[in-house]
Amino acid sequence: VQAAKRRFLRTSRLYAAGAAGFEDVRAVVASF
């Protein structure tokens, strides 16, 4: 759970910076 929290925060930052797209976010959420 702690690792997932870190992964979600990192993905959020990458998305905000334009370095990750919706498909990247979807993959992280689907895996969890």
ModelCIF file with pLDDT and N, C-alpha, C, O atoms, coordinates in Angstrom:
data_MODEL
#
_entry.id   MODEL 
#
_entity.id                         1 
_entity.type                       polymer 
_entity.pdbx_number_of_molecules   1 
#
_entity_poly.entity_id                      1 
_entity_poly.type                           'polypeptide(L)' 
_entity_poly.nstd_linkage                   no 
_entity_poly.nstd_monomer                   no 
_entity_poly.pdbx_seq_one_letter_code       VQAAKRRFLRTSRLYAAGAAGFEDVRAVVASF 
_entity_poly.pdbx_seq_one_letter_code_can   VQAAKRRFLRTSRLYAAGAAGFEDVRAVVASF 
_entity_poly.pdbx_strand_id                 A 
#
loop_
_entity_poly_seq.entity_id 
_entity_poly_seq.num 
_entity_poly_seq.mon_id 
_entity_poly_seq.hetero 
1 1  VAL n 
1 2  GLN n 
1 3  ALA n 
1 4  ALA n 
1 5  LYS n 
1 6  ARG n 
1 7  ARG n 
1 8  PHE n 
1 9  LEU n 
1 10 ARG n 
1 11 THR n 
1 12 SER n 
1 13 ARG n 
1 14 LEU n 
1 15 TYR n 
1 16 ALA n 
1 17 ALA n 
1 18 GLY n 
1 19 ALA n 
1 20 ALA n 
1 21 GLY n 
1 22 PHE n 
1 23 GLU n 
1 24 ASP n 
1 25 VAL n 
1 26 ARG n 
1 27 ALA n 
1 28 VAL n 
1 29 VAL n 
1 30 ALA n 
1 31 SER n 
1 32 PHE n 
#
_struct_asym.id          A 
_struct_asym.entity_id   1 
#
loop_
_ma_qa_metric.id 
_ma_qa_metric.mode 
_ma_qa_metric.name 
_ma_qa_metric.software_group_id 
_ma_qa_metric.type 
1 global pLDDT . pLDDT 
2 local  pLDDT . pLDDT 
#
_ma_qa_metric_global.metric_id      1 
_ma_qa_metric_global.metric_value   85.25 
_ma_qa_metric_global.model_id       1 
_ma_qa_metric_global.ordinal_id     1 
#
loop_
_ma_qa_metric_local.label_asym_id 
_ma_qa_metric_local.label_comp_id 
_ma_qa_metric_local.label_seq_id 
_ma_qa_metric_local.metric_id 
_ma_qa_metric_local.metric_value 
_ma_qa_metric_local.model_id 
_ma_qa_metric_local.ordinal_id 
A VAL 1  2 88.00 1 1  
A GLN 2  2 88.00 1 2  
A ALA 3  2 87.00 1 3  
A ALA 4  2 86.00 1 4  
A LYS 5  2 88.00 1 5  
A ARG 6  2 88.00 1 6  
A ARG 7  2 87.00 1 7  
A PHE 8  2 85.00 1 8  
A LEU 9  2 87.00 1 9  
A ARG 10 2 87.00 1 10 
A THR 11 2 86.00 1 11 
A SER 12 2 84.00 1 12 
A ARG 13 2 85.00 1 13 
A LEU 14 2 85.00 1 14 
A TYR 15 2 82.00 1 15 
A ALA 16 2 83.00 1 16 
A ALA 17 2 83.00 1 17 
A GLY 18 2 83.00 1 18 
A ALA 19 2 82.00 1 19 
A ALA 20 2 80.00 1 20 
A GLY 21 2 82.00 1 21 
A PHE 22 2 80.00 1 22 
A GLU 23 2 84.00 1 23 
A ASP 24 2 84.00 1 24 
A VAL 25 2 84.00 1 25 
A ARG 26 2 87.00 1 26 
A ALA 27 2 87.00 1 27 
A VAL 28 2 86.00 1 28 
A VAL 29 2 87.00 1 29 
A ALA 30 2 89.00 1 30 
A SER 31 2 88.00 1 31 
A PHE 32 2 86.00 1 32 
#
loop_
_atom_site.group_PDB 
_atom_site.id 
_atom_site.type_symbol 
_atom_site.label_atom_id 
_atom_site.label_alt_id 
_atom_site.label_comp_id 
_atom_site.label_asym_id 
_atom_site.label_entity_id 
_atom_site.label_seq_id 
_atom_site.pdbx_PDB_ins_code 
_atom_site.Cartn_x 
_atom_site.Cartn_y 
_atom_site.Cartn_z 
_atom_site.occupancy 
_atom_site.B_iso_or_equiv 
_atom_site.pdbx_formal_charge 
_atom_site.auth_seq_id 
_atom_site.auth_comp_id 
_atom_site.auth_asym_id 
_atom_site.auth_atom_id 
_atom_site.pdbx_PDB_model_num 
ATOM 1   N N  . VAL A 1 1  ? 0.839  -1.204 0.000   1.00 88.00 ? 1  VAL A N  1 
ATOM 2   C CA . VAL A 1 1  ? 0.000  0.000  0.000   1.00 88.00 ? 1  VAL A CA 1 
ATOM 3   C C  . VAL A 1 1  ? 0.871  1.250  0.000   1.00 88.00 ? 1  VAL A C  1 
ATOM 4   O O  . VAL A 1 1  ? 0.587  2.198  -0.731  1.00 88.00 ? 1  VAL A O  1 
ATOM 5   N N  . GLN A 1 2  ? 1.924  1.263  0.809   1.00 88.00 ? 2  GLN A N  1 
ATOM 6   C CA . GLN A 1 2  ? 2.812  2.427  0.843   1.00 88.00 ? 2  GLN A CA 1 
ATOM 7   C C  . GLN A 1 2  ? 3.510  2.639  -0.495  1.00 88.00 ? 2  GLN A C  1 
ATOM 8   O O  . GLN A 1 2  ? 3.666  3.772  -0.950  1.00 88.00 ? 2  GLN A O  1 
ATOM 9   N N  . ALA A 1 3  ? 3.931  1.536  -1.125  1.00 87.00 ? 3  ALA A N  1 
ATOM 10  C CA . ALA A 1 3  ? 4.576  1.637  -2.441  1.00 87.00 ? 3  ALA A CA 1 
ATOM 11  C C  . ALA A 1 3  ? 3.593  2.168  -3.477  1.00 87.00 ? 3  ALA A C  1 
ATOM 12  O O  . ALA A 1 3  ? 3.974  2.949  -4.349  1.00 87.00 ? 3  ALA A O  1 
ATOM 13  N N  . ALA A 1 4  ? 2.321  1.749  -3.388  1.00 86.00 ? 4  ALA A N  1 
ATOM 14  C CA . ALA A 1 4  ? 1.306  2.234  -4.317  1.00 86.00 ? 4  ALA A CA 1 
ATOM 15  C C  . ALA A 1 4  ? 1.063  3.728  -4.130  1.00 86.00 ? 4  ALA A C  1 
ATOM 16  O O  . ALA A 1 4  ? 0.886  4.453  -5.109  1.00 86.00 ? 4  ALA A O  1 
ATOM 17  N N  . LYS A 1 5  ? 1.052  4.193  -2.889  1.00 88.00 ? 5  LYS A N  1 
ATOM 18  C CA . LYS A 1 5  ? 0.885  5.627  -2.624  1.00 88.00 ? 5  LYS A CA 1 
ATOM 19  C C  . LYS A 1 5  ? 2.013  6.430  -3.268  1.00 88.00 ? 5  LYS A C  1 
ATOM 20  O O  . LYS A 1 5  ? 1.765  7.469  -3.879  1.00 88.00 ? 5  LYS A O  1 
ATOM 21  N N  . ARG A 1 6  ? 3.250  5.952  -3.135  1.00 88.00 ? 6  ARG A N  1 
ATOM 22  C CA . ARG A 1 6  ? 4.388  6.648  -3.749  1.00 88.00 ? 6  ARG A CA 1 
ATOM 23  C C  . ARG A 1 6  ? 4.269  6.644  -5.270  1.00 88.00 ? 6  ARG A C  1 
ATOM 24  O O  . ARG A 1 6  ? 4.564  7.641  -5.929  1.00 88.00 ? 6  ARG A O  1 
ATOM 25  N N  . ARG A 1 7  ? 3.831  5.504  -5.819  1.00 87.00 ? 7  ARG A N  1 
ATOM 26  C CA . ARG A 1 7  ? 3.695  5.389  -7.271  1.00 87.00 ? 7  ARG A CA 1 
ATOM 27  C C  . ARG A 1 7  ? 2.606  6.331  -7.799  1.00 87.00 ? 7  ARG A C  1 
ATOM 28  O O  . ARG A 1 7  ? 2.773  6.936  -8.858  1.00 87.00 ? 7  ARG A O  1 
ATOM 29  N N  . PHE A 1 8  ? 1.496  6.457  -7.071  1.00 85.00 ? 8  PHE A N  1 
ATOM 30  C CA . PHE A 1 8  ? 0.410  7.341  -7.493  1.00 85.00 ? 8  PHE A CA 1 
ATOM 31  C C  . PHE A 1 8  ? 0.841  8.809  -7.426  1.00 85.00 ? 8  PHE A C  1 
ATOM 32  O O  . PHE A 1 8  ? 0.525  9.595  -8.320  1.00 85.00 ? 8  PHE A O  1 
ATOM 33  N N  . LEU A 1 9  ? 1.564  9.175  -6.360  1.00 87.00 ? 9  LEU A N  1 
ATOM 34  C CA . LEU A 1 9  ? 2.062  10.551 -6.257  1.00 87.00 ? 9  LEU A CA 1 
ATOM 35  C C  . LEU A 1 9  ? 3.033  10.873 -7.383  1.00 87.00 ? 9  LEU A C  1 
ATOM 36  O O  . LEU A 1 9  ? 2.974  11.951 -7.973  1.00 87.00 ? 9  LEU A O  1 
ATOM 37  N N  . ARG A 1 10 ? 3.928  9.933  -7.680  1.00 87.00 ? 10 ARG A N  1 
ATOM 38  C CA . ARG A 1 10 ? 4.907  10.140 -8.759  1.00 87.00 ? 10 ARG A CA 1 
ATOM 39  C C  . ARG A 1 10 ? 4.196  10.265 -10.107 1.00 87.00 ? 10 ARG A C  1 
ATOM 40  O O  . ARG A 1 10 ? 4.556  11.111 -10.925 1.00 87.00 ? 10 ARG A O  1 
ATOM 41  N N  . THR A 1 11 ? 3.190  9.427  -10.334 1.00 86.00 ? 11 THR A N  1 
ATOM 42  C CA . THR A 1 11 ? 2.445  9.488  -11.587 1.00 86.00 ? 11 THR A CA 1 
ATOM 43  C C  . THR A 1 11 ? 1.697  10.815 -11.705 1.00 86.00 ? 11 THR A C  1 
ATOM 44  O O  . THR A 1 11 ? 1.629  11.394 -12.789 1.00 86.00 ? 11 THR A O  1 
ATOM 45  N N  . SER A 1 12 ? 1.138  11.295 -10.601 1.00 84.00 ? 12 SER A N  1 
ATOM 46  C CA . SER A 1 12 ? 0.437  12.579 -10.603 1.00 84.00 ? 12 SER A CA 1 
ATOM 47  C C  . SER A 1 12 ? 1.378  13.716 -10.988 1.00 84.00 ? 12 SER A C  1 
ATOM 48  O O  . SER A 1 12 ? 1.014  14.599 -11.765 1.00 84.00 ? 12 SER A O  1 
ATOM 49  N N  . ARG A 1 13 ? 2.598  13.686 -10.433 1.00 85.00 ? 13 ARG A N  1 
ATOM 50  C CA . ARG A 1 13 ? 3.573  14.740 -10.762 1.00 85.00 ? 13 ARG A CA 1 
ATOM 51  C C  . ARG A 1 13 ? 3.970  14.677 -12.235 1.00 85.00 ? 13 ARG A C  1 
ATOM 52  O O  . ARG A 1 13 ? 4.070  15.710 -12.898 1.00 85.00 ? 13 ARG A O  1 
ATOM 53  N N  . LEU A 1 14 ? 4.196  13.476 -12.743 1.00 85.00 ? 14 LEU A N  1 
ATOM 54  C CA . LEU A 1 14 ? 4.565  13.334 -14.156 1.00 85.00 ? 14 LEU A CA 1 
ATOM 55  C C  . LEU A 1 14 ? 3.435  13.796 -15.070 1.00 85.00 ? 14 LEU A C  1 
ATOM 56  O O  . LEU A 1 14 ? 3.683  14.416 -16.105 1.00 85.00 ? 14 LEU A O  1 
ATOM 57  N N  . TYR A 1 15 ? 2.190  13.494 -14.686 1.00 82.00 ? 15 TYR A N  1 
ATOM 58  C CA . TYR A 1 15 ? 1.047  13.921 -15.490 1.00 82.00 ? 15 TYR A CA 1 
ATOM 59  C C  . TYR A 1 15 ? 0.937  15.445 -15.488 1.00 82.00 ? 15 TYR A C  1 
ATOM 60  O O  . TYR A 1 15 ? 0.684  16.062 -16.523 1.00 82.00 ? 15 TYR A O  1 
ATOM 61  N N  . ALA A 1 16 ? 1.133  16.048 -14.301 1.00 83.00 ? 16 ALA A N  1 
ATOM 62  C CA . ALA A 1 16 ? 1.058  17.507 -14.189 1.00 83.00 ? 16 ALA A CA 1 
ATOM 63  C C  . ALA A 1 16 ? 2.131  18.188 -15.021 1.00 83.00 ? 16 ALA A C  1 
ATOM 64  O O  . ALA A 1 16 ? 1.914  19.277 -15.553 1.00 83.00 ? 16 ALA A O  1 
ATOM 65  N N  . ALA A 1 17 ? 3.289  17.547 -15.135 1.00 83.00 ? 17 ALA A N  1 
ATOM 66  C CA . ALA A 1 17 ? 4.397  18.117 -15.906 1.00 83.00 ? 17 ALA A CA 1 
ATOM 67  C C  . ALA A 1 17 ? 4.298  17.787 -17.391 1.00 83.00 ? 17 ALA A C  1 
ATOM 68  O O  . ALA A 1 17 ? 5.139  18.228 -18.174 1.00 83.00 ? 17 ALA A O  1 
ATOM 69  N N  . GLY A 1 18 ? 3.300  17.030 -17.787 1.00 83.00 ? 18 GLY A N  1 
ATOM 70  C CA . GLY A 1 18 ? 3.153  16.635 -19.187 1.00 83.00 ? 18 GLY A CA 1 
ATOM 71  C C  . GLY A 1 18 ? 4.060  15.497 -19.604 1.00 83.00 ? 18 GLY A C  1 
ATOM 72  O O  . GLY A 1 18 ? 4.181  15.198 -20.792 1.00 83.00 ? 18 GLY A O  1 
ATOM 73  N N  . ALA A 1 19 ? 4.707  14.852 -18.622 1.00 82.00 ? 19 ALA A N  1 
ATOM 74  C CA . ALA A 1 19 ? 5.629  13.757 -18.932 1.00 82.00 ? 19 ALA A CA 1 
ATOM 75  C C  . ALA A 1 19 ? 4.942  12.393 -18.918 1.00 82.00 ? 19 ALA A C  1 
ATOM 76  O O  . ALA A 1 19 ? 5.570  11.380 -19.226 1.00 82.00 ? 19 ALA A O  1 
ATOM 77  N N  . ALA A 1 20 ? 3.671  12.362 -18.567 1.00 80.00 ? 20 ALA A N  1 
ATOM 78  C CA . ALA A 1 20 ? 2.884  11.124 -18.589 1.00 80.00 ? 20 ALA A CA 1 
ATOM 79  C C  . ALA A 1 20 ? 1.504  11.442 -19.130 1.00 80.00 ? 20 ALA A C  1 
ATOM 80  O O  . ALA A 1 20 ? 0.967  12.520 -18.875 1.00 80.00 ? 20 ALA A O  1 
ATOM 81  N N  . GLY A 1 21 ? 0.931  10.515 -19.874 1.00 82.00 ? 21 GLY A N  1 
ATOM 82  C CA . GLY A 1 21 ? -0.385 10.706 -20.455 1.00 82.00 ? 21 GLY A CA 1 
ATOM 83  C C  . GLY A 1 21 ? -1.448 9.922  -19.706 1.00 82.00 ? 21 GLY A C  1 
ATOM 84  O O  . GLY A 1 21 ? -1.164 9.244  -18.718 1.00 82.00 ? 21 GLY A O  1 
ATOM 85  N N  . PHE A 1 22 ? -2.671 10.026 -20.191 1.00 80.00 ? 22 PHE A N  1 
ATOM 86  C CA . PHE A 1 22 ? -3.784 9.347  -19.536 1.00 80.00 ? 22 PHE A CA 1 
ATOM 87  C C  . PHE A 1 22 ? -3.593 7.832  -19.532 1.00 80.00 ? 22 PHE A C  1 
ATOM 88  O O  . PHE A 1 22 ? -3.962 7.168  -18.563 1.00 80.00 ? 22 PHE A O  1 
ATOM 89  N N  . GLU A 1 23 ? -3.017 7.274  -20.614 1.00 84.00 ? 23 GLU A N  1 
ATOM 90  C CA . GLU A 1 23 ? -2.813 5.823  -20.672 1.00 84.00 ? 23 GLU A CA 1 
ATOM 91  C C  . GLU A 1 23 ? -1.839 5.362  -19.593 1.00 84.00 ? 23 GLU A C  1 
ATOM 92  O O  . GLU A 1 23 ? -1.994 4.272  -19.042 1.00 84.00 ? 23 GLU A O  1 
ATOM 93  N N  . ASP A 1 24 ? -0.828 6.189  -19.285 1.00 84.00 ? 24 ASP A N  1 
ATOM 94  C CA . ASP A 1 24 ? 0.112  5.857  -18.210 1.00 84.00 ? 24 ASP A CA 1 
ATOM 95  C C  . ASP A 1 24 ? -0.608 5.825  -16.864 1.00 84.00 ? 24 ASP A C  1 
ATOM 96  O O  . ASP A 1 24 ? -0.389 4.934  -16.043 1.00 84.00 ? 24 ASP A O  1 
ATOM 97  N N  . VAL A 1 25 ? -1.480 6.827  -16.659 1.00 84.00 ? 25 VAL A N  1 
ATOM 98  C CA . VAL A 1 25 ? -2.259 6.888  -15.415 1.00 84.00 ? 25 VAL A CA 1 
ATOM 99  C C  . VAL A 1 25 ? -3.189 5.684  -15.322 1.00 84.00 ? 25 VAL A C  1 
ATOM 100 O O  . VAL A 1 25 ? -3.293 5.048  -14.274 1.00 84.00 ? 25 VAL A O  1 
ATOM 101 N N  . ARG A 1 26 ? -3.863 5.380  -16.426 1.00 87.00 ? 26 ARG A N  1 
ATOM 102 C CA . ARG A 1 26 ? -4.814 4.270  -16.441 1.00 87.00 ? 26 ARG A CA 1 
ATOM 103 C C  . ARG A 1 26 ? -4.120 2.948  -16.100 1.00 87.00 ? 26 ARG A C  1 
ATOM 104 O O  . ARG A 1 26 ? -4.674 2.122  -15.376 1.00 87.00 ? 26 ARG A O  1 
ATOM 105 N N  . ALA A 1 27 ? -2.909 2.752  -16.623 1.00 87.00 ? 27 ALA A N  1 
ATOM 106 C CA . ALA A 1 27 ? -2.169 1.510  -16.364 1.00 87.00 ? 27 ALA A CA 1 
ATOM 107 C C  . ALA A 1 27 ? -1.829 1.373  -14.888 1.00 87.00 ? 27 ALA A C  1 
ATOM 108 O O  . ALA A 1 27 ? -1.925 0.280  -14.331 1.00 87.00 ? 27 ALA A O  1 
ATOM 109 N N  . VAL A 1 28 ? -1.431 2.476  -14.243 1.00 86.00 ? 28 VAL A N  1 
ATOM 110 C CA . VAL A 1 28 ? -1.084 2.444  -12.821 1.00 86.00 ? 28 VAL A CA 1 
ATOM 111 C C  . VAL A 1 28 ? -2.317 2.123  -11.978 1.00 86.00 ? 28 VAL A C  1 
ATOM 112 O O  . VAL A 1 28 ? -2.261 1.306  -11.059 1.00 86.00 ? 28 VAL A O  1 
ATOM 113 N N  . VAL A 1 29 ? -3.431 2.779  -12.307 1.00 87.00 ? 29 VAL A N  1 
ATOM 114 C CA . VAL A 1 29 ? -4.670 2.554  -11.555 1.00 87.00 ? 29 VAL A CA 1 
ATOM 115 C C  . VAL A 1 29 ? -5.168 1.124  -11.754 1.00 87.00 ? 29 VAL A C  1 
ATOM 116 O O  . VAL A 1 29 ? -5.559 0.462  -10.793 1.00 87.00 ? 29 VAL A O  1 
ATOM 117 N N  . ALA A 1 30 ? -5.154 0.645  -13.009 1.00 89.00 ? 30 ALA A N  1 
ATOM 118 C CA . ALA A 1 30 ? -5.646 -0.703 -13.305 1.00 89.00 ? 30 ALA A CA 1 
ATOM 119 C C  . ALA A 1 30 ? -4.823 -1.763 -12.577 1.00 89.00 ? 30 ALA A C  1 
ATOM 120 O O  . ALA A 1 30 ? -5.372 -2.744 -12.075 1.00 89.00 ? 30 ALA A O  1 
ATOM 121 N N  . SER A 1 31 ? -3.510 -1.565 -12.521 1.00 88.00 ? 31 SER A N  1 
ATOM 122 C CA . SER A 1 31 ? -2.642 -2.522 -11.834 1.00 88.00 ? 31 SER A CA 1 
ATOM 123 C C  . SER A 1 31 ? -2.987 -2.585 -10.350 1.00 88.00 ? 31 SER A C  1 
ATOM 124 O O  . SER A 1 31 ? -3.078 -3.671 -9.778  1.00 88.00 ? 31 SER A O  1 
ATOM 125 N N  . PHE A 1 32 ? -3.177 -1.430 -9.732  1.00 86.00 ? 32 PHE A N  1 
ATOM 126 C CA . PHE A 1 32 ? -3.486 -1.403 -8.296  1.00 86.00 ? 32 PHE A CA 1 
ATOM 127 C C  . PHE A 1 32 ? -4.855 -2.007 -8.016  1.00 86.00 ? 32 PHE A C  1 
ATOM 128 O O  . PHE A 1 32 ? -5.279 -2.067 -6.861  1.00 86.00 ? 32 PHE A O  1 
#
